N, C-alpha and C. Protein backbone atom coordinates (compact mmCIF):
# COMPACT_ATOMS: atom_id res chain seq x y z
N ARG A 1 -10.04 -22.48 -4.17
CA ARG A 1 -8.90 -21.42 -4.08
C ARG A 1 -8.20 -21.68 -2.87
N ASP A 2 -6.85 -21.40 -2.96
CA ASP A 2 -6.00 -21.63 -1.84
C ASP A 2 -6.12 -20.27 -0.87
N LEU A 3 -6.14 -20.73 0.51
CA LEU A 3 -6.34 -19.71 1.43
C LEU A 3 -5.12 -18.90 1.59
N ALA A 4 -4.03 -19.47 1.60
CA ALA A 4 -2.82 -18.78 1.70
C ALA A 4 -2.58 -17.83 0.67
N CYS A 5 -2.94 -18.26 -0.52
CA CYS A 5 -2.77 -17.23 -1.77
C CYS A 5 -3.57 -16.08 -1.65
N ASP A 6 -4.95 -16.33 -1.15
CA ASP A 6 -5.90 -15.11 -0.94
C ASP A 6 -5.28 -14.34 -0.07
N LEU A 7 -4.69 -14.73 1.05
CA LEU A 7 -4.12 -13.94 2.21
C LEU A 7 -3.03 -12.98 1.69
N MET A 8 -2.07 -13.74 0.86
CA MET A 8 -0.99 -12.91 0.23
C MET A 8 -1.43 -11.92 -0.75
N VAL A 9 -2.61 -11.99 -1.46
CA VAL A 9 -3.13 -11.14 -2.21
C VAL A 9 -3.44 -9.90 -1.37
N GLY A 10 -4.26 -10.17 -0.43
CA GLY A 10 -4.51 -9.01 0.42
C GLY A 10 -3.46 -8.41 1.04
N LEU A 11 -2.41 -8.94 1.41
CA LEU A 11 -1.22 -8.45 2.14
C LEU A 11 -0.43 -7.55 1.17
N ARG A 12 -0.36 -8.14 0.00
CA ARG A 12 0.24 -7.22 -1.04
C ARG A 12 -0.43 -5.91 -1.33
N TYR A 13 -1.77 -6.07 -1.36
CA TYR A 13 -2.54 -4.78 -1.78
C TYR A 13 -2.33 -4.01 -0.60
N CYS A 14 -2.37 -4.41 0.62
CA CYS A 14 -2.23 -3.45 1.91
C CYS A 14 -0.86 -2.82 1.82
N LEU A 15 0.17 -3.49 1.36
CA LEU A 15 1.50 -2.83 1.34
C LEU A 15 1.74 -1.82 0.25
N VAL A 16 1.03 -1.95 -0.75
CA VAL A 16 1.10 -0.91 -1.84
C VAL A 16 0.28 0.18 -1.84
N GLN A 17 -0.64 0.16 -0.81
CA GLN A 17 -1.78 1.17 -0.61
C GLN A 17 -1.34 1.86 0.51
N PRO A 18 -0.73 3.10 0.58
CA PRO A 18 -0.35 3.74 1.86
C PRO A 18 -1.46 4.20 2.86
N THR A 19 -2.56 4.37 2.36
CA THR A 19 -3.73 4.76 3.18
C THR A 19 -4.14 3.48 3.86
N VAL A 20 -4.38 2.38 3.29
CA VAL A 20 -4.77 1.11 3.76
C VAL A 20 -3.61 0.54 4.83
N LEU A 21 -2.43 0.77 4.37
CA LEU A 21 -1.43 0.29 5.26
C LEU A 21 -1.42 1.35 6.67
N GLY A 22 -1.68 2.55 6.40
CA GLY A 22 -1.79 3.51 7.49
C GLY A 22 -2.86 3.12 8.59
N LEU A 23 -3.97 2.78 8.01
CA LEU A 23 -5.21 2.23 8.98
C LEU A 23 -4.80 1.00 9.59
N LEU A 24 -4.24 0.21 8.92
CA LEU A 24 -3.78 -1.12 9.63
C LEU A 24 -2.77 -0.91 10.57
N LEU A 25 -1.69 0.04 10.45
CA LEU A 25 -0.79 0.29 11.49
C LEU A 25 -1.46 1.15 12.64
N LEU A 26 -2.39 1.87 12.38
CA LEU A 26 -3.21 2.54 13.57
C LEU A 26 -3.80 1.70 14.46
N ALA A 27 -4.50 0.64 13.57
CA ALA A 27 -5.36 -0.25 14.41
C ALA A 27 -4.35 -1.33 15.19
N ALA A 28 -3.11 -1.69 14.67
CA ALA A 28 -2.21 -2.47 15.25
C ALA A 28 -1.72 -1.68 16.63
N ALA A 29 -1.37 -0.45 16.47
CA ALA A 29 -0.99 0.41 17.53
C ALA A 29 -2.05 0.29 18.68
N MET A 30 -3.08 0.53 18.36
CA MET A 30 -4.26 0.60 19.37
C MET A 30 -4.37 -0.88 19.96
N ILE A 31 -4.20 -1.88 19.37
CA ILE A 31 -4.31 -3.18 19.87
C ILE A 31 -3.12 -3.68 20.77
N VAL A 32 -2.01 -3.41 20.20
CA VAL A 32 -0.77 -3.70 21.02
C VAL A 32 -0.33 -2.79 22.15
N PHE A 33 -0.40 -1.44 21.88
CA PHE A 33 0.04 -0.62 22.88
C PHE A 33 -1.25 -0.11 23.83
N TRP A 34 -2.31 0.31 23.16
CA TRP A 34 -3.19 1.10 23.88
C TRP A 34 -3.94 0.16 24.84
N GLN A 35 -4.51 -1.05 24.13
CA GLN A 35 -5.29 -2.08 24.99
C GLN A 35 -4.57 -2.65 26.03
N ALA A 36 -3.35 -2.60 26.14
CA ALA A 36 -2.50 -3.33 27.11
C ALA A 36 -2.72 -2.88 28.58
N HIS A 37 -3.37 -1.79 28.75
CA HIS A 37 -3.75 -1.41 30.14
C HIS A 37 -4.77 -2.34 30.88
N VAL A 38 -5.61 -3.02 29.98
CA VAL A 38 -6.63 -3.75 30.38
C VAL A 38 -6.17 -4.88 31.40
N VAL A 39 -5.04 -5.33 31.13
CA VAL A 39 -4.48 -6.64 31.91
C VAL A 39 -4.09 -6.02 33.40
N LEU A 40 -3.95 -4.64 33.54
CA LEU A 40 -3.48 -4.03 34.70
C LEU A 40 -4.52 -3.54 35.57
N LEU A 41 -5.71 -3.50 35.10
CA LEU A 41 -6.80 -2.99 35.73
C LEU A 41 -7.00 -3.46 37.34
N PRO A 42 -6.79 -4.84 37.50
CA PRO A 42 -6.92 -5.47 38.94
C PRO A 42 -5.83 -4.81 39.80
N VAL A 43 -4.58 -4.47 39.16
CA VAL A 43 -3.46 -3.96 40.03
C VAL A 43 -3.63 -2.53 40.42
N PHE A 44 -4.26 -2.01 39.51
CA PHE A 44 -4.81 -0.34 39.72
C PHE A 44 -5.71 -0.38 40.82
N ALA A 45 -6.81 -1.25 40.77
CA ALA A 45 -7.86 -1.17 41.82
C ALA A 45 -7.33 -1.60 43.24
N ARG A 46 -6.40 -2.41 43.27
CA ARG A 46 -5.91 -2.82 44.52
C ARG A 46 -4.65 -2.03 45.02
N ASP A 47 -3.78 -1.59 44.25
CA ASP A 47 -2.37 -0.88 44.87
C ASP A 47 -2.36 0.60 44.41
N VAL A 48 -3.16 1.09 43.57
CA VAL A 48 -3.04 2.47 43.10
C VAL A 48 -4.22 3.05 43.67
N LEU A 49 -5.49 2.66 43.59
CA LEU A 49 -6.72 3.27 43.99
C LEU A 49 -7.08 2.87 45.25
N SER A 50 -6.57 1.69 45.86
CA SER A 50 -7.00 1.18 47.02
C SER A 50 -8.55 0.81 47.11
N ALA A 51 -8.95 0.33 46.04
CA ALA A 51 -10.53 0.09 46.02
C ALA A 51 -10.87 -1.34 46.02
N GLY A 52 -9.85 -2.19 46.03
CA GLY A 52 -10.17 -3.60 46.15
C GLY A 52 -11.04 -4.28 44.92
N ALA A 53 -11.56 -5.48 45.37
CA ALA A 53 -12.37 -6.09 44.31
C ALA A 53 -13.45 -5.40 43.78
N SER A 54 -14.23 -4.64 44.60
CA SER A 54 -15.41 -3.96 44.19
C SER A 54 -14.88 -2.64 43.15
N GLY A 55 -13.74 -2.10 43.52
CA GLY A 55 -13.19 -1.20 42.71
C GLY A 55 -12.74 -1.74 41.27
N TYR A 56 -12.22 -2.84 41.29
CA TYR A 56 -12.00 -3.57 40.15
C TYR A 56 -13.28 -3.77 39.18
N GLY A 57 -14.36 -4.17 39.90
CA GLY A 57 -15.55 -4.31 39.04
C GLY A 57 -16.11 -3.00 38.48
N LEU A 58 -15.98 -1.88 39.19
CA LEU A 58 -16.37 -0.70 38.82
C LEU A 58 -15.41 -0.09 37.71
N LEU A 59 -14.17 -0.37 37.56
CA LEU A 59 -13.07 -0.20 36.68
C LEU A 59 -13.58 -0.72 35.40
N SER A 60 -13.79 -2.04 35.61
CA SER A 60 -14.15 -2.76 34.25
C SER A 60 -15.42 -2.36 33.73
N ALA A 61 -16.44 -2.12 34.59
CA ALA A 61 -17.68 -1.38 34.13
C ALA A 61 -17.47 -0.15 33.38
N ALA A 62 -16.69 0.57 33.87
CA ALA A 62 -16.32 1.95 33.19
C ALA A 62 -15.54 1.77 32.01
N SER A 63 -14.79 0.78 31.77
CA SER A 63 -14.27 0.48 30.57
C SER A 63 -15.25 0.01 29.52
N GLY A 64 -16.11 -0.86 29.97
CA GLY A 64 -17.06 -1.38 29.12
C GLY A 64 -17.97 -0.24 28.59
N ILE A 65 -18.52 0.60 29.54
CA ILE A 65 -19.26 1.77 29.09
C ILE A 65 -18.69 2.81 28.21
N GLY A 66 -17.42 2.87 28.39
CA GLY A 66 -16.70 3.74 27.43
C GLY A 66 -16.66 3.12 26.05
N ALA A 67 -16.31 1.72 25.97
CA ALA A 67 -16.44 1.00 24.72
C ALA A 67 -17.64 1.19 24.01
N LEU A 68 -18.63 1.02 24.84
CA LEU A 68 -20.03 0.96 24.24
C LEU A 68 -20.44 2.47 23.70
N ALA A 69 -20.06 3.54 24.32
CA ALA A 69 -20.23 4.90 24.05
C ALA A 69 -19.46 5.16 22.90
N GLY A 70 -18.18 4.69 22.81
CA GLY A 70 -17.40 5.02 21.67
C GLY A 70 -17.85 4.37 20.35
N THR A 71 -18.37 3.21 20.42
CA THR A 71 -18.81 2.39 19.10
C THR A 71 -20.18 3.14 18.89
N LEU A 72 -21.11 3.45 19.72
CA LEU A 72 -22.42 4.00 19.35
C LEU A 72 -22.21 5.32 18.81
N SER A 73 -21.19 6.25 19.41
CA SER A 73 -20.95 7.43 18.79
C SER A 73 -20.65 7.58 17.32
N ILE A 74 -19.84 6.45 16.94
CA ILE A 74 -19.39 6.31 15.54
C ILE A 74 -20.64 5.99 14.63
N ALA A 75 -21.43 5.06 15.19
CA ALA A 75 -22.59 4.52 14.45
C ALA A 75 -23.49 5.70 14.15
N LEU A 76 -23.66 6.53 15.27
CA LEU A 76 -24.69 7.64 15.18
C LEU A 76 -24.16 9.04 14.40
N ALA A 77 -22.86 8.96 14.46
CA ALA A 77 -22.28 10.35 13.76
C ALA A 77 -22.37 10.38 12.44
N PRO A 78 -22.38 11.67 11.86
CA PRO A 78 -22.44 11.73 10.30
C PRO A 78 -21.19 11.31 9.85
N ALA A 79 -21.18 10.80 8.53
CA ALA A 79 -20.02 10.22 7.98
C ALA A 79 -19.23 11.29 7.17
N ARG A 80 -18.58 12.34 7.91
CA ARG A 80 -17.85 13.51 7.22
C ARG A 80 -16.72 13.62 7.96
N ARG A 81 -15.67 13.86 7.26
CA ARG A 81 -14.42 14.18 7.80
C ARG A 81 -13.77 13.24 8.86
N GLN A 82 -14.01 11.84 8.45
CA GLN A 82 -13.76 10.87 9.42
C GLN A 82 -12.36 10.72 9.86
N GLY A 83 -11.53 11.07 8.75
CA GLY A 83 -10.03 11.04 8.98
C GLY A 83 -9.65 11.93 9.96
N ALA A 84 -9.96 13.25 9.92
CA ALA A 84 -9.88 14.12 10.81
C ALA A 84 -10.31 13.75 12.26
N ALA A 85 -11.55 13.42 12.32
CA ALA A 85 -12.09 13.03 13.44
C ALA A 85 -11.20 11.75 14.24
N MET A 86 -10.88 10.79 13.39
CA MET A 86 -10.14 9.71 13.83
C MET A 86 -8.75 10.24 14.54
N ALA A 87 -8.02 11.09 13.86
CA ALA A 87 -6.93 11.74 14.37
C ALA A 87 -7.06 12.39 15.67
N VAL A 88 -7.97 13.14 15.95
CA VAL A 88 -8.44 13.70 17.44
C VAL A 88 -8.76 12.49 18.25
N LEU A 89 -9.48 11.50 17.85
CA LEU A 89 -9.78 10.39 18.80
C LEU A 89 -8.49 9.65 19.17
N ALA A 90 -7.75 9.38 18.19
CA ALA A 90 -6.49 8.50 18.45
C ALA A 90 -5.68 9.21 19.46
N VAL A 91 -5.33 10.64 19.21
CA VAL A 91 -4.60 11.41 20.16
C VAL A 91 -5.32 11.50 21.58
N SER A 92 -6.55 11.62 21.66
CA SER A 92 -7.28 11.77 23.00
C SER A 92 -7.29 10.39 23.59
N ALA A 93 -7.35 9.33 22.79
CA ALA A 93 -7.25 8.03 23.53
C ALA A 93 -5.89 7.77 24.17
N GLY A 94 -4.86 8.00 23.56
CA GLY A 94 -3.57 7.85 24.15
C GLY A 94 -3.22 8.81 25.38
N GLY A 95 -3.61 10.20 25.14
CA GLY A 95 -3.50 11.21 26.12
C GLY A 95 -4.29 10.83 27.07
N GLY A 96 -5.67 10.35 27.00
CA GLY A 96 -6.53 10.17 28.25
C GLY A 96 -5.94 9.09 29.04
N LEU A 97 -5.27 8.04 28.37
CA LEU A 97 -4.84 6.84 29.23
C LEU A 97 -3.57 7.27 29.94
N LEU A 98 -2.84 8.19 29.44
CA LEU A 98 -1.67 8.68 29.94
C LEU A 98 -1.97 9.52 31.16
N LEU A 99 -2.90 10.17 31.18
CA LEU A 99 -3.55 10.98 32.29
C LEU A 99 -4.04 10.09 33.44
N TRP A 100 -4.89 9.03 32.84
CA TRP A 100 -5.47 8.10 33.89
C TRP A 100 -4.43 7.44 34.65
N ALA A 101 -3.37 6.98 34.00
CA ALA A 101 -2.28 6.20 34.82
C ALA A 101 -1.79 6.89 35.99
N GLN A 102 -1.82 8.38 35.98
CA GLN A 102 -1.18 9.18 37.06
C GLN A 102 -2.28 9.56 38.16
N VAL A 103 -3.51 9.24 37.93
CA VAL A 103 -4.69 9.65 38.96
C VAL A 103 -4.62 8.66 40.06
N THR A 104 -4.97 9.12 41.29
CA THR A 104 -5.08 8.11 42.35
C THR A 104 -6.50 8.43 43.01
N ASP A 105 -7.34 9.49 42.50
CA ASP A 105 -8.64 9.54 43.02
C ASP A 105 -9.59 8.64 42.16
N PHE A 106 -10.18 7.76 43.09
CA PHE A 106 -11.07 6.90 42.54
C PHE A 106 -12.23 7.19 41.42
N PHE A 107 -12.91 8.17 41.74
CA PHE A 107 -13.91 8.81 41.00
C PHE A 107 -13.44 9.45 39.73
N LEU A 108 -12.23 10.17 39.90
CA LEU A 108 -11.58 10.76 38.74
C LEU A 108 -11.12 9.82 37.55
N SER A 109 -10.63 8.56 38.41
CA SER A 109 -10.02 7.58 37.45
C SER A 109 -11.16 6.96 36.77
N LEU A 110 -12.28 6.75 37.21
CA LEU A 110 -13.50 6.19 36.55
C LEU A 110 -13.90 7.06 35.33
N VAL A 111 -13.86 8.41 35.56
CA VAL A 111 -14.37 9.20 34.56
C VAL A 111 -13.37 9.24 33.48
N LEU A 112 -11.97 9.38 33.68
CA LEU A 112 -10.95 9.36 32.72
C LEU A 112 -10.99 8.01 31.87
N LEU A 113 -11.27 6.89 32.64
CA LEU A 113 -11.23 5.66 31.97
C LEU A 113 -12.33 5.39 30.92
N VAL A 114 -13.62 5.96 31.15
CA VAL A 114 -14.64 5.95 30.40
C VAL A 114 -14.36 6.77 29.24
N LEU A 115 -13.76 8.00 29.40
CA LEU A 115 -13.49 8.82 28.29
C LEU A 115 -12.50 8.36 27.37
N ALA A 116 -11.33 7.86 28.15
CA ALA A 116 -10.15 7.21 27.13
C ALA A 116 -10.63 6.03 26.30
N THR A 117 -11.34 5.23 27.04
CA THR A 117 -11.88 4.00 26.40
C THR A 117 -12.86 4.30 25.23
N ALA A 118 -13.70 5.17 25.48
CA ALA A 118 -14.83 5.69 24.43
C ALA A 118 -13.78 6.25 23.16
N CYS A 119 -12.80 7.04 23.38
CA CYS A 119 -11.93 7.52 22.24
C CYS A 119 -11.25 6.30 21.63
N GLY A 120 -10.75 5.40 22.43
CA GLY A 120 -9.96 4.29 21.93
C GLY A 120 -10.89 3.45 20.95
N MET A 121 -11.92 3.09 21.42
CA MET A 121 -12.97 2.17 20.71
C MET A 121 -13.38 2.82 19.55
N ALA A 122 -13.81 4.12 19.60
CA ALA A 122 -14.11 4.99 18.37
C ALA A 122 -13.18 5.04 17.31
N THR A 123 -11.72 5.15 17.83
CA THR A 123 -10.57 5.11 16.71
C THR A 123 -10.57 3.66 16.10
N SER A 124 -10.63 2.55 16.99
CA SER A 124 -10.52 1.39 16.31
C SER A 124 -11.96 1.03 15.27
N THR A 125 -13.07 1.45 15.73
CA THR A 125 -14.13 1.27 14.88
C THR A 125 -14.13 2.04 13.66
N LEU A 126 -13.62 3.44 13.86
CA LEU A 126 -13.49 4.25 12.52
C LEU A 126 -12.52 3.68 11.56
N ALA A 127 -11.32 3.16 12.09
CA ALA A 127 -10.26 2.60 11.45
C ALA A 127 -10.81 1.47 10.45
N THR A 128 -11.54 0.49 11.07
CA THR A 128 -12.12 -0.65 10.44
C THR A 128 -13.18 -0.13 9.58
N SER A 129 -14.06 0.73 9.90
CA SER A 129 -15.03 1.24 8.91
C SER A 129 -14.40 1.94 7.71
N MET A 130 -13.37 2.69 7.78
CA MET A 130 -12.76 3.46 6.73
C MET A 130 -11.97 2.52 5.74
N LEU A 131 -11.45 1.40 6.42
CA LEU A 131 -10.70 0.41 5.65
C LEU A 131 -11.66 -0.37 4.80
N GLN A 132 -12.87 -0.60 5.38
CA GLN A 132 -13.86 -1.37 4.35
C GLN A 132 -14.47 -0.22 3.20
N ARG A 133 -14.43 0.94 3.70
CA ARG A 133 -14.98 1.95 2.80
C ARG A 133 -14.02 2.09 1.41
N ILE A 134 -12.69 2.08 1.85
CA ILE A 134 -11.77 2.40 0.53
C ILE A 134 -11.15 1.21 -0.18
N THR A 135 -11.73 0.09 0.35
CA THR A 135 -11.21 -1.23 -0.14
C THR A 135 -12.04 -1.60 -1.38
N PRO A 136 -11.59 -2.04 -2.50
CA PRO A 136 -12.44 -2.35 -3.46
C PRO A 136 -13.30 -3.64 -3.16
N ASP A 137 -14.41 -3.97 -3.78
CA ASP A 137 -15.28 -4.91 -3.23
C ASP A 137 -14.75 -6.36 -3.41
N HIS A 138 -13.94 -6.55 -4.45
CA HIS A 138 -13.39 -8.03 -4.70
C HIS A 138 -12.27 -8.32 -3.73
N LEU A 139 -11.74 -7.19 -3.08
CA LEU A 139 -10.72 -7.31 -2.05
C LEU A 139 -10.93 -7.30 -0.59
N GLN A 140 -12.32 -7.05 -0.44
CA GLN A 140 -12.79 -6.89 0.96
C GLN A 140 -12.44 -8.01 1.93
N GLY A 141 -12.81 -9.23 1.61
CA GLY A 141 -12.56 -10.18 2.38
C GLY A 141 -10.98 -10.52 2.74
N ARG A 142 -10.19 -10.20 1.63
CA ARG A 142 -8.74 -10.51 1.82
C ARG A 142 -8.10 -9.54 2.76
N VAL A 143 -8.46 -8.26 2.44
CA VAL A 143 -7.90 -7.20 3.30
C VAL A 143 -8.44 -7.24 4.83
N MET A 144 -9.70 -7.50 4.97
CA MET A 144 -10.25 -7.63 6.34
C MET A 144 -9.44 -8.97 6.97
N SER A 145 -9.21 -9.87 6.34
CA SER A 145 -8.38 -11.01 7.04
C SER A 145 -7.11 -10.51 7.41
N VAL A 146 -6.38 -9.70 6.68
CA VAL A 146 -5.05 -9.10 6.94
C VAL A 146 -5.40 -8.34 8.27
N ALA A 147 -6.34 -7.52 8.21
CA ALA A 147 -6.92 -6.74 9.40
C ALA A 147 -7.03 -7.58 10.72
N LEU A 148 -7.67 -8.72 10.58
CA LEU A 148 -7.87 -9.54 11.69
C LEU A 148 -6.65 -9.99 12.23
N LEU A 149 -5.70 -10.24 11.48
CA LEU A 149 -4.45 -10.81 11.98
C LEU A 149 -3.65 -9.92 13.07
N THR A 150 -4.05 -8.51 12.95
CA THR A 150 -3.47 -7.67 13.88
C THR A 150 -4.00 -7.86 15.27
N TRP A 151 -5.06 -8.52 15.50
CA TRP A 151 -5.63 -8.93 16.72
C TRP A 151 -4.86 -9.99 17.53
N GLY A 152 -4.04 -10.68 16.59
CA GLY A 152 -3.22 -11.70 17.10
C GLY A 152 -1.91 -11.11 17.70
N ALA A 153 -1.78 -9.87 17.60
CA ALA A 153 -0.52 -9.10 18.16
C ALA A 153 -1.04 -8.70 19.56
N SER A 154 -2.12 -8.88 19.93
CA SER A 154 -2.58 -8.38 21.42
C SER A 154 -1.71 -8.97 22.59
N PRO A 155 -1.46 -10.27 22.54
CA PRO A 155 -0.61 -10.68 23.68
C PRO A 155 0.91 -10.06 23.67
N VAL A 156 1.31 -9.43 22.68
CA VAL A 156 2.63 -8.76 22.81
C VAL A 156 2.56 -7.60 23.57
N GLY A 157 1.47 -6.87 23.48
CA GLY A 157 1.18 -5.66 24.19
C GLY A 157 1.01 -6.14 25.87
N LEU A 158 0.23 -7.17 26.04
CA LEU A 158 -0.07 -7.71 27.42
C LEU A 158 1.28 -7.99 28.05
N LEU A 159 2.00 -8.80 27.30
CA LEU A 159 3.36 -9.30 27.79
C LEU A 159 4.32 -7.97 28.24
N LEU A 160 4.28 -7.05 27.21
CA LEU A 160 5.00 -5.79 27.53
C LEU A 160 4.59 -5.19 28.64
N ALA A 161 3.29 -4.92 28.82
CA ALA A 161 2.72 -4.31 30.00
C ALA A 161 3.03 -5.00 31.24
N GLY A 162 2.99 -6.37 31.42
CA GLY A 162 3.32 -6.94 32.51
C GLY A 162 4.83 -6.70 33.05
N ALA A 163 5.76 -6.92 31.67
CA ALA A 163 7.05 -6.84 32.14
C ALA A 163 7.44 -5.43 32.71
N LEU A 164 6.75 -4.19 32.01
CA LEU A 164 7.06 -2.97 32.52
C LEU A 164 6.44 -2.69 33.96
N ALA A 165 5.21 -3.30 34.19
CA ALA A 165 4.86 -3.24 35.57
C ALA A 165 5.70 -3.85 36.60
N ASP A 166 6.33 -5.14 36.24
CA ASP A 166 7.34 -5.64 37.19
C ASP A 166 8.42 -4.69 37.26
N LEU A 167 8.92 -3.98 36.25
CA LEU A 167 10.07 -3.13 36.21
C LEU A 167 9.78 -1.86 37.03
N GLY A 168 8.72 -1.11 36.72
CA GLY A 168 8.42 0.21 37.45
C GLY A 168 6.99 0.22 38.18
N GLY A 169 6.27 -0.73 38.06
CA GLY A 169 4.88 -0.63 38.64
C GLY A 169 3.94 -0.34 37.49
N ALA A 170 2.60 -0.59 37.93
CA ALA A 170 1.38 -0.41 36.93
C ALA A 170 1.28 0.89 36.47
N PRO A 171 1.37 2.11 37.18
CA PRO A 171 1.29 3.29 36.53
C PRO A 171 2.38 3.49 35.53
N PHE A 172 3.66 3.14 35.93
CA PHE A 172 4.75 3.38 34.95
C PHE A 172 4.44 2.64 33.62
N SER A 173 3.88 1.40 33.74
CA SER A 173 3.70 0.48 32.61
C SER A 173 2.50 1.11 31.68
N VAL A 174 1.56 1.75 32.25
CA VAL A 174 0.50 2.34 31.37
C VAL A 174 0.93 3.61 30.71
N MET A 175 1.84 4.32 31.64
CA MET A 175 2.37 5.48 30.94
C MET A 175 3.25 5.21 29.77
N VAL A 176 3.90 4.21 29.87
CA VAL A 176 4.99 3.78 28.74
C VAL A 176 4.13 3.26 27.44
N THR A 177 3.14 2.35 27.68
CA THR A 177 2.42 1.83 26.65
C THR A 177 1.59 2.93 26.06
N SER A 178 0.89 3.74 26.84
CA SER A 178 -0.03 4.74 26.21
C SER A 178 0.74 5.63 25.46
N SER A 179 1.99 6.15 25.92
CA SER A 179 2.86 6.92 25.25
C SER A 179 3.36 6.45 23.88
N LEU A 180 3.50 5.09 23.82
CA LEU A 180 3.89 4.27 22.56
C LEU A 180 2.63 4.42 21.59
N ALA A 181 1.39 4.15 22.34
CA ALA A 181 0.18 4.27 21.30
C ALA A 181 0.18 5.74 20.72
N LEU A 182 0.35 6.68 21.68
CA LEU A 182 0.15 8.20 21.17
C LEU A 182 1.17 8.28 20.15
N ALA A 183 2.39 7.99 20.33
CA ALA A 183 3.57 8.12 19.30
C ALA A 183 3.32 7.41 17.96
N ALA A 184 2.91 6.24 18.14
CA ALA A 184 2.66 5.60 16.89
C ALA A 184 1.49 6.11 16.17
N SER A 185 0.35 6.47 16.91
CA SER A 185 -0.81 7.09 16.30
C SER A 185 -0.27 8.49 15.57
N ALA A 186 0.29 9.29 16.28
CA ALA A 186 0.65 10.53 15.77
C ALA A 186 1.57 10.35 14.43
N GLY A 187 2.58 9.38 14.68
CA GLY A 187 3.41 9.16 13.44
C GLY A 187 2.64 8.62 12.15
N VAL A 188 1.81 7.89 12.27
CA VAL A 188 0.88 7.23 11.19
C VAL A 188 0.03 8.66 10.62
N LEU A 189 -0.43 9.36 11.48
CA LEU A 189 -1.52 10.43 10.97
C LEU A 189 -0.53 11.41 10.38
N LEU A 190 0.61 11.69 10.92
CA LEU A 190 1.42 12.83 10.35
C LEU A 190 2.08 12.45 9.04
N LEU A 191 2.45 11.18 8.93
CA LEU A 191 3.21 10.67 7.67
C LEU A 191 2.35 10.30 6.64
N LEU A 192 1.12 9.90 6.83
CA LEU A 192 0.37 9.37 5.90
C LEU A 192 -0.91 10.40 5.87
N LEU A 193 -0.79 11.41 4.92
CA LEU A 193 -1.85 12.32 4.80
C LEU A 193 -3.07 11.86 4.45
N GLY A 194 -3.08 10.95 3.61
CA GLY A 194 -4.24 10.16 3.09
C GLY A 194 -5.23 9.86 3.98
N VAL A 195 -4.67 9.31 5.19
CA VAL A 195 -5.65 8.88 6.19
C VAL A 195 -6.45 10.03 6.77
N ARG A 196 -5.92 11.11 6.97
CA ARG A 196 -6.49 12.47 7.62
C ARG A 196 -7.52 12.88 6.57
N ARG A 197 -7.38 12.66 5.29
CA ARG A 197 -8.12 13.26 4.34
C ARG A 197 -9.24 12.51 4.10
N LEU A 198 -9.64 11.31 4.49
CA LEU A 198 -10.62 10.39 4.34
C LEU A 198 -11.80 11.08 4.76
């Protein structure tokens, strides 16, 4: 069976199913815009928080702790009203990162980064889980192949974050990219009611 043909079948299915398309767009927004802050962590540690190399290590650890906490929370949480939960988490992830970009206290920065990363990872995990749940068994592999293609868009967000940092500094860059993630997530969740009702 031709791989390109299978991929096109999956892509066509995604395009004609609004809820599936909404979940894919939400995942793409998180990958392109929300995760773009990761590349600027060293700049925040050095220039914004004046914490140096050890501060960068702690920021990276905080990000990892938040990601683990977000994933585990979805694994342990009951599978009820996941669409509504994802809406709250997506908005919290973007809003939390927007606040984080404006903080200059190192301890508060660590706390906000843990919370924002937990919400962001929980959003991505929920989107993937819900995508698998609503996709027919015979299309699972094809649809998930399309979903994995969104990860290829990650460098676009990193490039945008770097360009914005050159233009207005690291905090400005994160505020813009997190605002874009927030706007994209809100747009998907407001326009596609089927996602919120899952």
